[in-house]
Amino acid sequence: WDECESLRRRILEERGEAKVAKAQAQDALLESEAADAELLGAREQCEAAMARLRRSQAMVADKGQQLQQQLADRAAKQESLSRGIAEASNRFQQLQATEEQ
């Protein structure tokens, strides 16, 4: 009879340990699922930030091209004005030379 009682107690203890282990496993699973969800959210935030960065880089590149074009346009206008001033100066000198004769 003592052996049966001892065996019964061991079975009850093992069942209790099994229940604890099962509860711990369920807790671990829930923690794992929560961590997965957190990582997924972080990944989505990272992808959104990368998309914003790419848009910003594209806008900066476009603005750089616009500024380069404006600089080229100004340089061309300055060159044209310089030629016009040089031509006017030459004509003025020619007129002065003609008047002095």
PDB file of N, CA and C in Angstrom:
ATOM      1  N   TRP A   1       0.823  -1.199   0.000  1.00  0.00           N
ATOM      2  CA  TRP A   1       0.000   0.000   0.000  1.00  0.00           C
ATOM      3  C   TRP A   1       0.864   1.258   0.000  1.00  0.00           C
ATOM      4  N   ASP A   2       1.906   1.271   0.729  1.00  0.00           N
ATOM      5  CA  ASP A   2       2.821   2.418   0.790  1.00  0.00           C
ATOM      6  C   ASP A   2       3.410   2.733  -0.584  1.00  0.00           C
ATOM      7  N   GLU A   3       3.718   1.677  -1.318  1.00  0.00           N
ATOM      8  CA  GLU A   3       4.274   1.897  -2.663  1.00  0.00           C
ATOM      9  C   GLU A   3       3.244   2.546  -3.570  1.00  0.00           C
ATOM     10  N   CYS A   4       2.009   2.122  -3.461  1.00  0.00           N
ATOM     11  CA  CYS A   4       0.936   2.729  -4.266  1.00  0.00           C
ATOM     12  C   CYS A   4       0.776   4.192  -3.907  1.00  0.00           C
ATOM     13  N   GLU A   5       0.812   4.466  -2.613  1.00  0.00           N
ATOM     14  CA  GLU A   5       0.673   5.854  -2.157  1.00  0.00           C
ATOM     15  C   GLU A   5       1.846   6.698  -2.639  1.00  0.00           C
ATOM     16  N   SER A   6       3.032   6.156  -2.566  1.00  0.00           N
ATOM     17  CA  SER A   6       4.235   6.858  -3.041  1.00  0.00           C
ATOM     18  C   SER A   6       4.154   7.107  -4.540  1.00  0.00           C
ATOM     19  N   LEU A   7       3.725   6.099  -5.264  1.00  0.00           N
ATOM     20  CA  LEU A   7       3.569   6.222  -6.713  1.00  0.00           C
ATOM     21  C   LEU A   7       2.514   7.267  -7.054  1.00  0.00           C
ATOM     22  N   ARG A   8       1.411   7.260  -6.318  1.00  0.00           N
ATOM     23  CA  ARG A   8       0.341   8.243  -6.539  1.00  0.00           C
ATOM     24  C   ARG A   8       0.869   9.660  -6.301  1.00  0.00           C
ATOM     25  N   ARG A   9       1.647   9.856  -5.224  1.00  0.00           N
ATOM     26  CA  ARG A   9       2.209  11.181  -4.933  1.00  0.00           C
ATOM     27  C   ARG A   9       3.159  11.621  -6.040  1.00  0.00           C
ATOM     28  N   ARG A  10       3.988  10.712  -6.524  1.00  0.00           N
ATOM     29  CA  ARG A  10       4.913  11.042  -7.612  1.00  0.00           C
ATOM     30  C   ARG A  10       4.164  11.440  -8.876  1.00  0.00           C
ATOM     31  N   ILE A  11       3.095  10.705  -9.166  1.00  0.00           N
ATOM     32  CA  ILE A  11       2.280  11.024 -10.347  1.00  0.00           C
ATOM     33  C   ILE A  11       1.661  12.397 -10.197  1.00  0.00           C
ATOM     34  N   LEU A  12       1.143  12.692  -9.003  1.00  0.00           N
ATOM     35  CA  LEU A  12       0.550  14.005  -8.759  1.00  0.00           C
ATOM     36  C   LEU A  12       1.603  15.116  -8.877  1.00  0.00           C
ATOM     37  N   GLU A  13       2.798  14.854  -8.346  1.00  0.00           N
ATOM     38  CA  GLU A  13       3.882  15.833  -8.448  1.00  0.00           C
ATOM     39  C   GLU A  13       4.267  16.069  -9.907  1.00  0.00           C
ATOM     40  N   GLU A  14       4.379  14.982 -10.673  1.00  0.00           N
ATOM     41  CA  GLU A  14       4.745  15.106 -12.085  1.00  0.00           C
ATOM     42  C   GLU A  14       3.659  15.843 -12.864  1.00  0.00           C
ATOM     43  N   ARG A  15       2.410  15.585 -12.515  1.00  0.00           N
ATOM     44  CA  ARG A  15       1.315  16.303 -13.179  1.00  0.00           C
ATOM     45  C   ARG A  15       1.404  17.800 -12.864  1.00  0.00           C
ATOM     46  N   GLY A  16       1.681  18.097 -11.590  1.00  0.00           N
ATOM     47  CA  GLY A  16       1.838  19.498 -11.197  1.00  0.00           C
ATOM     48  C   GLY A  16       3.000  20.149 -11.928  1.00  0.00           C
ATOM     49  N   GLU A  17       4.120  19.429 -12.010  1.00  0.00           N
ATOM     50  CA  GLU A  17       5.294  19.942 -12.734  1.00  0.00           C
ATOM     51  C   GLU A  17       4.971  20.118 -14.213  1.00  0.00           C
ATOM     52  N   ALA A  18       4.218  19.172 -14.769  1.00  0.00           N
ATOM     53  CA  ALA A  18       3.837  19.266 -16.181  1.00  0.00           C
ATOM     54  C   ALA A  18       2.953  20.487 -16.418  1.00  0.00           C
ATOM     55  N   LYS A  19       2.027  20.760 -15.469  1.00  0.00           N
ATOM     56  CA  LYS A  19       1.166  21.935 -15.603  1.00  0.00           C
ATOM     57  C   LYS A  19       1.990  23.214 -15.539  1.00  0.00           C
ATOM     58  N   VAL A  20       2.952  23.244 -14.617  1.00  0.00           N
ATOM     59  CA  VAL A  20       3.827  24.421 -14.504  1.00  0.00           C
ATOM     60  C   VAL A  20       4.642  24.600 -15.780  1.00  0.00           C
ATOM     61  N   ALA A  21       5.189  23.507 -16.284  1.00  0.00           N
ATOM     62  CA  ALA A  21       5.986  23.567 -17.514  1.00  0.00           C
ATOM     63  C   ALA A  21       5.129  24.036 -18.690  1.00  0.00           C
ATOM     64  N   LYS A  22       3.891  23.532 -18.746  1.00  0.00           N
ATOM     65  CA  LYS A  22       2.990  23.935 -19.825  1.00  0.00           C
ATOM     66  C   LYS A  22       2.673  25.425 -19.727  1.00  0.00           C
ATOM     67  N   ALA A  23       2.424  25.908 -18.517  1.00  0.00           N
ATOM     68  CA  ALA A  23       2.131  27.328 -18.319  1.00  0.00           C
ATOM     69  C   ALA A  23       3.345  28.170 -18.694  1.00  0.00           C
ATOM     70  N   GLN A  24       4.533  27.719 -18.329  1.00  0.00           N
ATOM     71  CA  GLN A  24       5.754  28.440 -18.691  1.00  0.00           C
ATOM     72  C   GLN A  24       5.950  28.470 -20.205  1.00  0.00           C
ATOM     73  N   ALA A  25       5.657  27.360 -20.845  1.00  0.00           N
ATOM     74  CA  ALA A  25       5.783  27.292 -22.308  1.00  0.00           C
ATOM     75  C   ALA A  25       4.790  28.242 -22.972  1.00  0.00           C
ATOM     76  N   GLN A  26       3.559  28.293 -22.440  1.00  0.00           N
ATOM     77  CA  GLN A  26       2.561  29.208 -22.997  1.00  0.00           C
ATOM     78  C   GLN A  26       3.000  30.661 -22.801  1.00  0.00           C
ATOM     79  N   ASP A  27       3.557  30.975 -21.619  1.00  0.00           N
ATOM     80  CA  ASP A  27       4.066  32.324 -21.368  1.00  0.00           C
ATOM     81  C   ASP A  27       5.196  32.673 -22.340  1.00  0.00           C
ATOM     82  N   ALA A  28       6.084  31.722 -22.542  1.00  0.00           N
ATOM     83  CA  ALA A  28       7.200  31.941 -23.470  1.00  0.00           C
ATOM     84  C   ALA A  28       6.685  32.168 -24.893  1.00  0.00           C
ATOM     85  N   LEU A  29       5.673  31.405 -25.270  1.00  0.00           N
ATOM     86  CA  LEU A  29       5.083  31.563 -26.602  1.00  0.00           C
ATOM     87  C   LEU A  29       4.458  32.948 -26.753  1.00  0.00           C
ATOM     88  N   LEU A  30       3.722  33.379 -25.728  1.00  0.00           N
ATOM     89  CA  LEU A  30       3.111  34.716 -25.784  1.00  0.00           C
ATOM     90  C   LEU A  30       4.176  35.804 -25.854  1.00  0.00           C
ATOM     91  N   GLU A  31       5.244  35.656 -25.078  1.00  0.00           N
ATOM     92  CA  GLU A  31       6.335  36.631 -25.121  1.00  0.00           C
ATOM     93  C   GLU A  31       6.992  36.650 -26.498  1.00  0.00           C
ATOM     94  N   SER A  32       7.148  35.471 -27.074  1.00  0.00           N
ATOM     95  CA  SER A  32       7.745  35.373 -28.412  1.00  0.00           C
ATOM     96  C   SER A  32       6.860  36.056 -29.453  1.00  0.00           C
ATOM     97  N   GLU A  33       5.561  35.819 -29.367  1.00  0.00           N
ATOM     98  CA  GLU A  33       4.631  36.453 -30.303  1.00  0.00           C
ATOM     99  C   GLU A  33       4.632  37.969 -30.136  1.00  0.00           C
ATOM    100  N   ALA A  34       4.719  38.439 -28.888  1.00  0.00           N
ATOM    101  CA  ALA A  34       4.776  39.884 -28.632  1.00  0.00           C
ATOM    102  C   ALA A  34       6.063  40.460 -29.200  1.00  0.00           C
ATOM    103  N   ALA A  35       7.164  39.750 -29.028  1.00  0.00           N
ATOM    104  CA  ALA A  35       8.446  40.211 -29.573  1.00  0.00           C
ATOM    105  C   ALA A  35       8.394  40.246 -31.100  1.00  0.00           C
ATOM    106  N   ASP A  36       7.778  39.239 -31.712  1.00  0.00           N
ATOM    107  CA  ASP A  36       7.627  39.220 -33.172  1.00  0.00           C
ATOM    108  C   ASP A  36       6.829  40.425 -33.650  1.00  0.00           C
ATOM    109  N   ALA A  37       5.740  40.715 -32.949  1.00  0.00           N
ATOM    110  CA  ALA A  37       4.909  41.867 -33.327  1.00  0.00           C
ATOM    111  C   ALA A  37       5.686  43.169 -33.174  1.00  0.00           C
ATOM    112  N   GLU A  38       6.478  43.255 -32.125  1.00  0.00           N
ATOM    113  CA  GLU A  38       7.289  44.460 -31.897  1.00  0.00           C
ATOM    114  C   GLU A  38       8.337  44.619 -33.003  1.00  0.00           C
ATOM    115  N   LEU A  39       8.969  43.521 -33.374  1.00  0.00           N
ATOM    116  CA  LEU A  39       9.961  43.561 -34.455  1.00  0.00           C
ATOM    117  C   LEU A  39       9.311  43.939 -35.782  1.00  0.00           C
ATOM    118  N   LEU A  40       8.128  43.422 -36.024  1.00  0.00           N
ATOM    119  CA  LEU A  40       7.413  43.748 -37.252  1.00  0.00           C
ATOM    120  C   LEU A  40       7.098  45.242 -37.296  1.00  0.00           C
ATOM    121  N   GLY A  41       6.650  45.783 -36.164  1.00  0.00           N
ATOM    122  CA  GLY A  41       6.375  47.213 -36.093  1.00  0.00           C
ATOM    123  C   GLY A  41       7.631  48.032 -36.315  1.00  0.00           C
ATOM    124  N   ALA A  42       8.731  47.612 -35.731  1.00  0.00           N
ATOM    125  CA  ALA A  42      10.002  48.322 -35.912  1.00  0.00           C
ATOM    126  C   ALA A  42      10.453  48.260 -37.366  1.00  0.00           C
ATOM    127  N   ARG A  43      10.241  47.117 -37.994  1.00  0.00           N
ATOM    128  CA  ARG A  43      10.618  46.975 -39.404  1.00  0.00           C
ATOM    129  C   ARG A  43       9.790  47.917 -40.281  1.00  0.00           C
ATOM    130  N   GLU A  44       8.498  47.987 -40.005  1.00  0.00           N
ATOM    131  CA  GLU A  44       7.628  48.884 -40.771  1.00  0.00           C
ATOM    132  C   GLU A  44       8.054  50.337 -40.593  1.00  0.00           C
ATOM    133  N   GLN A  45       8.415  50.709 -39.359  1.00  0.00           N
ATOM    134  CA  GLN A  45       8.879  52.072 -39.109  1.00  0.00           C
ATOM    135  C   GLN A  45      10.176  52.343 -39.857  1.00  0.00           C
ATOM    136  N   CYS A  46      11.057  51.375 -39.866  1.00  0.00           N
ATOM    137  CA  CYS A  46      12.335  51.514 -40.576  1.00  0.00           C
ATOM    138  C   CYS A  46      12.101  51.675 -42.080  1.00  0.00           C
ATOM    139  N   GLU A  47      11.208  50.865 -42.632  1.00  0.00           N
ATOM    140  CA  GLU A  47      10.914  50.952 -44.066  1.00  0.00           C
ATOM    141  C   GLU A  47      10.291  52.304 -44.402  1.00  0.00           C
ATOM    142  N   ALA A  48       9.421  52.806 -43.538  1.00  0.00           N
ATOM    143  CA  ALA A  48       8.812  54.120 -43.765  1.00  0.00           C
ATOM    144  C   ALA A  48       9.880  55.214 -43.706  1.00  0.00           C
ATOM    145  N   ALA A  49      10.797  55.096 -42.761  1.00  0.00           N
ATOM    146  CA  ALA A  49      11.880  56.083 -42.649  1.00  0.00           C
ATOM    147  C   ALA A  49      12.774  56.034 -43.878  1.00  0.00           C
ATOM    148  N   MET A  50      13.052  54.849 -44.387  1.00  0.00           N
ATOM    149  CA  MET A  50      13.871  54.723 -45.597  1.00  0.00           C
ATOM    150  C   MET A  50      13.165  55.342 -46.794  1.00  0.00           C
ATOM    151  N   ALA A  51      11.870  55.163 -46.886  1.00  0.00           N
ATOM    152  CA  ALA A  51      11.112  55.758 -47.987  1.00  0.00           C
ATOM    153  C   ALA A  51      11.167  57.284 -47.900  1.00  0.00           C
ATOM    154  N   ARG A  52      11.018  57.830 -46.674  1.00  0.00           N
ATOM    155  CA  ARG A  52      11.114  59.292 -46.503  1.00  0.00           C
ATOM    156  C   ARG A  52      12.504  59.785 -46.873  1.00  0.00           C
ATOM    157  N   LEU A  53      13.529  59.018 -46.485  1.00  0.00           N
ATOM    158  CA  LEU A  53      14.904  59.392 -46.808  1.00  0.00           C
ATOM    159  C   LEU A  53      15.122  59.413 -48.316  1.00  0.00           C
ATOM    160  N   ARG A  54      14.605  58.403 -49.000  1.00  0.00           N
ATOM    161  CA  ARG A  54      14.760  58.354 -50.468  1.00  0.00           C
ATOM    162  C   ARG A  54      14.067  59.543 -51.131  1.00  0.00           C
ATOM    163  N   ARG A  55      12.863  59.885 -50.628  1.00  0.00           N
ATOM    164  CA  ARG A  55      12.158  61.047 -51.185  1.00  0.00           C
ATOM    165  C   ARG A  55      12.956  62.328 -50.941  1.00  0.00           C
ATOM    166  N   SER A  56      13.509  62.452 -49.751  1.00  0.00           N
ATOM    167  CA  SER A  56      14.305  63.638 -49.421  1.00  0.00           C
ATOM    168  C   SER A  56      15.540  63.719 -50.309  1.00  0.00           C
ATOM    169  N   GLN A  57      16.192  62.593 -50.513  1.00  0.00           N
ATOM    170  CA  GLN A  57      17.374  62.579 -51.372  1.00  0.00           C
ATOM    171  C   GLN A  57      17.013  62.971 -52.803  1.00  0.00           C
ATOM    172  N   ALA A  58      15.880  62.499 -53.282  1.00  0.00           N
ATOM    173  CA  ALA A  58      15.444  62.839 -54.639  1.00  0.00           C
ATOM    174  C   ALA A  58      15.147  64.331 -54.738  1.00  0.00           C
ATOM    175  N   MET A  59      14.512  64.885 -53.692  1.00  0.00           N
ATOM    176  CA  MET A  59      14.208  66.325 -53.707  1.00  0.00           C
ATOM    177  C   MET A  59      15.498  67.142 -53.687  1.00  0.00           C
ATOM    178  N   VAL A  60      16.469  66.707 -52.898  1.00  0.00           N
ATOM    179  CA  VAL A  60      17.750  67.419 -52.832  1.00  0.00           C
ATOM    180  C   VAL A  60      18.452  67.349 -54.190  1.00  0.00           C
ATOM    181  N   ALA A  61      18.423  66.192 -54.814  1.00  0.00           N
ATOM    182  CA  ALA A  61      19.055  66.044 -56.132  1.00  0.00           C
ATOM    183  C   ALA A  61      18.368  66.949 -57.150  1.00  0.00           C
ATOM    184  N   ASP A  62      17.030  66.999 -57.123  1.00  0.00           N
ATOM    185  CA  ASP A  62      16.295  67.870 -58.045  1.00  0.00           C
ATOM    186  C   ASP A  62      16.640  69.332 -57.804  1.00  0.00           C
ATOM    187  N   LYS A  63      16.694  69.727 -56.542  1.00  0.00           N
ATOM    188  CA  LYS A  63      17.028  71.115 -56.204  1.00  0.00           C
ATOM    189  C   LYS A  63      18.448  71.431 -56.651  1.00  0.00           C
ATOM    190  N   GLY A  64      19.355  70.487 -56.499  1.00  0.00           N
ATOM    191  CA  GLY A  64      20.736  70.675 -56.958  1.00  0.00           C
ATOM    192  C   GLY A  64      20.792  70.897 -58.459  1.00  0.00           C
ATOM    193  N   GLN A  65      20.010  70.129 -59.203  1.00  0.00           N
ATOM    194  CA  GLN A  65      19.977  70.295 -60.657  1.00  0.00           C
ATOM    195  C   GLN A  65      19.391  71.658 -61.028  1.00  0.00           C
ATOM    196  N   GLN A  66      18.340  72.069 -60.316  1.00  0.00           N
ATOM    197  CA  GLN A  66      17.740  73.379 -60.578  1.00  0.00           C
ATOM    198  C   GLN A  66      18.747  74.485 -60.326  1.00  0.00           C
ATOM    199  N   LEU A  67      19.478  74.398 -59.226  1.00  0.00           N
ATOM    200  CA  LEU A  67      20.461  75.429 -58.899  1.00  0.00           C
ATOM    201  C   LEU A  67      21.594  75.452 -59.916  1.00  0.00           C
ATOM    202  N   GLN A  68      22.018  74.286 -60.361  1.00  0.00           N
ATOM    203  CA  GLN A  68      23.063  74.244 -61.394  1.00  0.00           C
ATOM    204  C   GLN A  68      22.576  74.886 -62.682  1.00  0.00           C
ATOM    205  N   GLN A  69      21.325  74.645 -63.048  1.00  0.00           N
ATOM    206  CA  GLN A  69      20.769  75.242 -64.257  1.00  0.00           C
ATOM    207  C   GLN A  69      20.677  76.759 -64.106  1.00  0.00           C
ATOM    208  N   GLN A  70      20.234  77.218 -62.935  1.00  0.00           N
ATOM    209  CA  GLN A  70      20.155  78.661 -62.690  1.00  0.00           C
ATOM    210  C   GLN A  70      21.539  79.295 -62.774  1.00  0.00           C
ATOM    211  N   LEU A  71      22.532  78.629 -62.218  1.00  0.00           N
ATOM    212  CA  LEU A  71      23.899  79.142 -62.273  1.00  0.00           C
ATOM    213  C   LEU A  71      24.390  79.209 -63.715  1.00  0.00           C
ATOM    214  N   ALA A  72      24.104  78.184 -64.496  1.00  0.00           N
ATOM    215  CA  ALA A  72      24.497  78.178 -65.910  1.00  0.00           C
ATOM    216  C   ALA A  72      23.784  79.300 -66.664  1.00  0.00           C
ATOM    217  N   ASP A  73      22.489  79.510 -66.375  1.00  0.00           N
ATOM    218  CA  ASP A  73      21.735  80.593 -67.022  1.00  0.00           C
ATOM    219  C   ASP A  73      22.326  81.952 -66.671  1.00  0.00           C
ATOM    220  N   ARG A  74      22.675  82.152 -65.402  1.00  0.00           N
ATOM    221  CA  ARG A  74      23.283  83.420 -64.985  1.00  0.00           C
ATOM    222  C   ARG A  74      24.622  83.639 -65.652  1.00  0.00           C
ATOM    223  N   ALA A  75      25.410  82.583 -65.730  1.00  0.00           N
ATOM    224  CA  ALA A  75      26.718  82.699 -66.374  1.00  0.00           C
ATOM    225  C   ALA A  75      26.542  83.090 -67.839  1.00  0.00           C
ATOM    226  N   ALA A  76      25.564  82.498 -68.507  1.00  0.00           N
ATOM    227  CA  ALA A  76      25.320  82.831 -69.916  1.00  0.00           C
ATOM    228  C   ALA A  76      24.857  84.283 -70.048  1.00  0.00           C
ATOM    229  N   LYS A  77      23.984  84.739 -69.146  1.00  0.00           N
ATOM    230  CA  LYS A  77      23.525  86.135 -69.185  1.00  0.00           C
ATOM    231  C   LYS A  77      24.676  87.096 -68.922  1.00  0.00           C
ATOM    232  N   GLN A  78      25.540  86.766 -67.939  1.00  0.00           N
ATOM    233  CA  GLN A  78      26.682  87.618 -67.648  1.00  0.00           C
ATOM    234  C   GLN A  78      27.623  87.686 -68.846  1.00  0.00           C
ATOM    235  N   GLU A  79      27.833  86.564 -69.504  1.00  0.00           N
ATOM    236  CA  GLU A  79      28.691  86.540 -70.699  1.00  0.00           C
ATOM    237  C   GLU A  79      28.097  87.409 -71.801  1.00  0.00           C
ATOM    238  N   SER A  80      26.799  87.310 -71.980  1.00  0.00           N
ATOM    239  CA  SER A  80      26.122  88.127 -72.989  1.00  0.00           C
ATOM    240  C   SER A  80      26.238  89.610 -72.651  1.00  0.00           C
ATOM    241  N   LEU A  81      26.019  89.954 -71.377  1.00  0.00           N
ATOM    242  CA  LEU A  81      26.155  91.347 -70.952  1.00  0.00           C
ATOM    243  C   LEU A  81      27.589  91.838 -71.130  1.00  0.00           C
ATOM    244  N   SER A  82      28.552  91.014 -70.796  1.00  0.00           N
ATOM    245  CA  SER A  82      29.964  91.397 -70.954  1.00  0.00           C
ATOM    246  C   SER A  82      30.291  91.659 -72.417  1.00  0.00           C
ATOM    247  N   ARG A  83      29.792  90.804 -73.308  1.00  0.00           N
ATOM    248  CA  ARG A  83      30.015  91.020 -74.744  1.00  0.00           C
ATOM    249  C   ARG A  83      29.352  92.315 -75.203  1.00  0.00           C
ATOM    250  N   GLY A  84      28.123  92.535 -74.725  1.00  0.00           N
ATOM    251  CA  GLY A  84      27.420  93.772 -75.097  1.00  0.00           C
ATOM    252  C   GLY A  84      28.166  94.997 -74.610  1.00  0.00           C
ATOM    253  N   ILE A  85      28.685  94.964 -73.397  1.00  0.00           N
ATOM    254  CA  ILE A  85      29.445  96.090 -72.850  1.00  0.00           C
ATOM    255  C   ILE A  85      30.727  96.284 -73.644  1.00  0.00           C
ATOM    256  N   ALA A  86      31.398  95.196 -73.970  1.00  0.00           N
ATOM    257  CA  ALA A  86      32.640  95.288 -74.744  1.00  0.00           C
ATOM    258  C   ALA A  86      32.358  95.882 -76.123  1.00  0.00           C
ATOM    259  N   GLU A  87      31.284  95.438 -76.761  1.00  0.00           N
ATOM    260  CA  GLU A  87      30.928  95.967 -78.085  1.00  0.00           C
ATOM    261  C   GLU A  87      30.580  97.457 -78.003  1.00  0.00           C
ATOM    262  N   ALA A  88      29.809  97.817 -76.984  1.00  0.00           N
ATOM    263  CA  ALA A  88      29.439  99.228 -76.811  1.00  0.00           C
ATOM    264  C   ALA A  88      30.675 100.068 -76.538  1.00  0.00           C
ATOM    265  N   SER A  89      31.585  99.563 -75.747  1.00  0.00           N
ATOM    266  CA  SER A  89      32.821 100.280 -75.450  1.00  0.00           C
ATOM    267  C   SER A  89      33.649 100.461 -76.714  1.00  0.00           C
ATOM    268  N   ASN A  90      33.738  99.428 -77.540  1.00  0.00           N
ATOM    269  CA  ASN A  90      34.476  99.527 -78.805  1.00  0.00           C
ATOM    270  C   ASN A  90      33.840 100.563 -79.726  1.00  0.00           C
ATOM    271  N   ARG A  91      32.516 100.562 -79.832  1.00  0.00           N
ATOM    272  CA  ARG A  91      31.824 101.543 -80.676  1.00  0.00           C
ATOM    273  C   ARG A  91      32.053 102.963 -80.160  1.00  0.00           C
ATOM    274  N   PHE A  92      32.001 103.096 -78.847  1.00  0.00           N
ATOM    275  CA  PHE A  92      32.211 104.410 -78.245  1.00  0.00           C
ATOM    276  C   PHE A  92      33.621 104.916 -78.572  1.00  0.00           C
ATOM    277  N   GLN A  93      34.598 104.021 -78.435  1.00  0.00           N
ATOM    278  CA  GLN A  93      35.973 104.410 -78.747  1.00  0.00           C
ATOM    279  C   GLN A  93      36.119 104.768 -80.227  1.00  0.00           C
ATOM    280  N   GLN A  94      35.434 104.023 -81.087  1.00  0.00           N
ATOM    281  CA  GLN A  94      35.486 104.316 -82.518  1.00  0.00           C
ATOM    282  C   GLN A  94      34.858 105.687 -82.810  1.00  0.00           C
ATOM    283  N   LEU A  95      33.721 105.947 -82.130  1.00  0.00           N
ATOM    284  CA  LEU A  95      33.069 107.243 -82.324  1.00  0.00           C
ATOM    285  C   LEU A  95      33.965 108.383 -81.835  1.00  0.00           C
ATOM    286  N   GLN A  96      34.614 108.181 -80.708  1.00  0.00           N
ATOM    287  CA  GLN A  96      35.504 109.214 -80.186  1.00  0.00           C
ATOM    288  C   GLN A  96      36.657 109.452 -81.145  1.00  0.00           C
ATOM    289  N   ALA A  97      37.198 108.357 -81.683  1.00  0.00           N
ATOM    290  CA  ALA A  97      38.316 108.472 -82.634  1.00  0.00           C
ATOM    291  C   ALA A  97      37.860 109.187 -83.877  1.00  0.00           C
ATOM    292  N   THR A  98      36.639 108.905 -84.325  1.00  0.00           N
ATOM    293  CA  THR A  98      36.114 109.534 -85.533  1.00  0.00           C
ATOM    294  C   THR A  98      35.893 111.031 -85.280  1.00  0.00           C
ATOM    295  N   GLU A  99      35.394 111.397 -84.114  1.00  0.00           N
ATOM    296  CA  GLU A  99      35.147 112.792 -83.790  1.00  0.00           C
ATOM    297  C   GLU A  99      36.437 113.581 -83.638  1.00  0.00           C
ATOM    298  N   GLU A 100      37.480 112.929 -83.176  1.00  0.00           N
ATOM    299  CA  GLU A 100      38.754 113.617 -82.996  1.00  0.00           C
ATOM    300  C   GLU A 100      39.432 113.883 -84.316  1.00  0.00           C
ATOM    301  N   GLN A 101      39.092 113.205 -85.341  1.00  0.00           N
ATOM    302  CA  GLN A 101      39.743 113.414 -86.644  1.00  0.00           C
ATOM    303  C   GLN A 101      39.160 114.586 -87.295  1.00  0.00           C
TER     304      GLN A 101
END
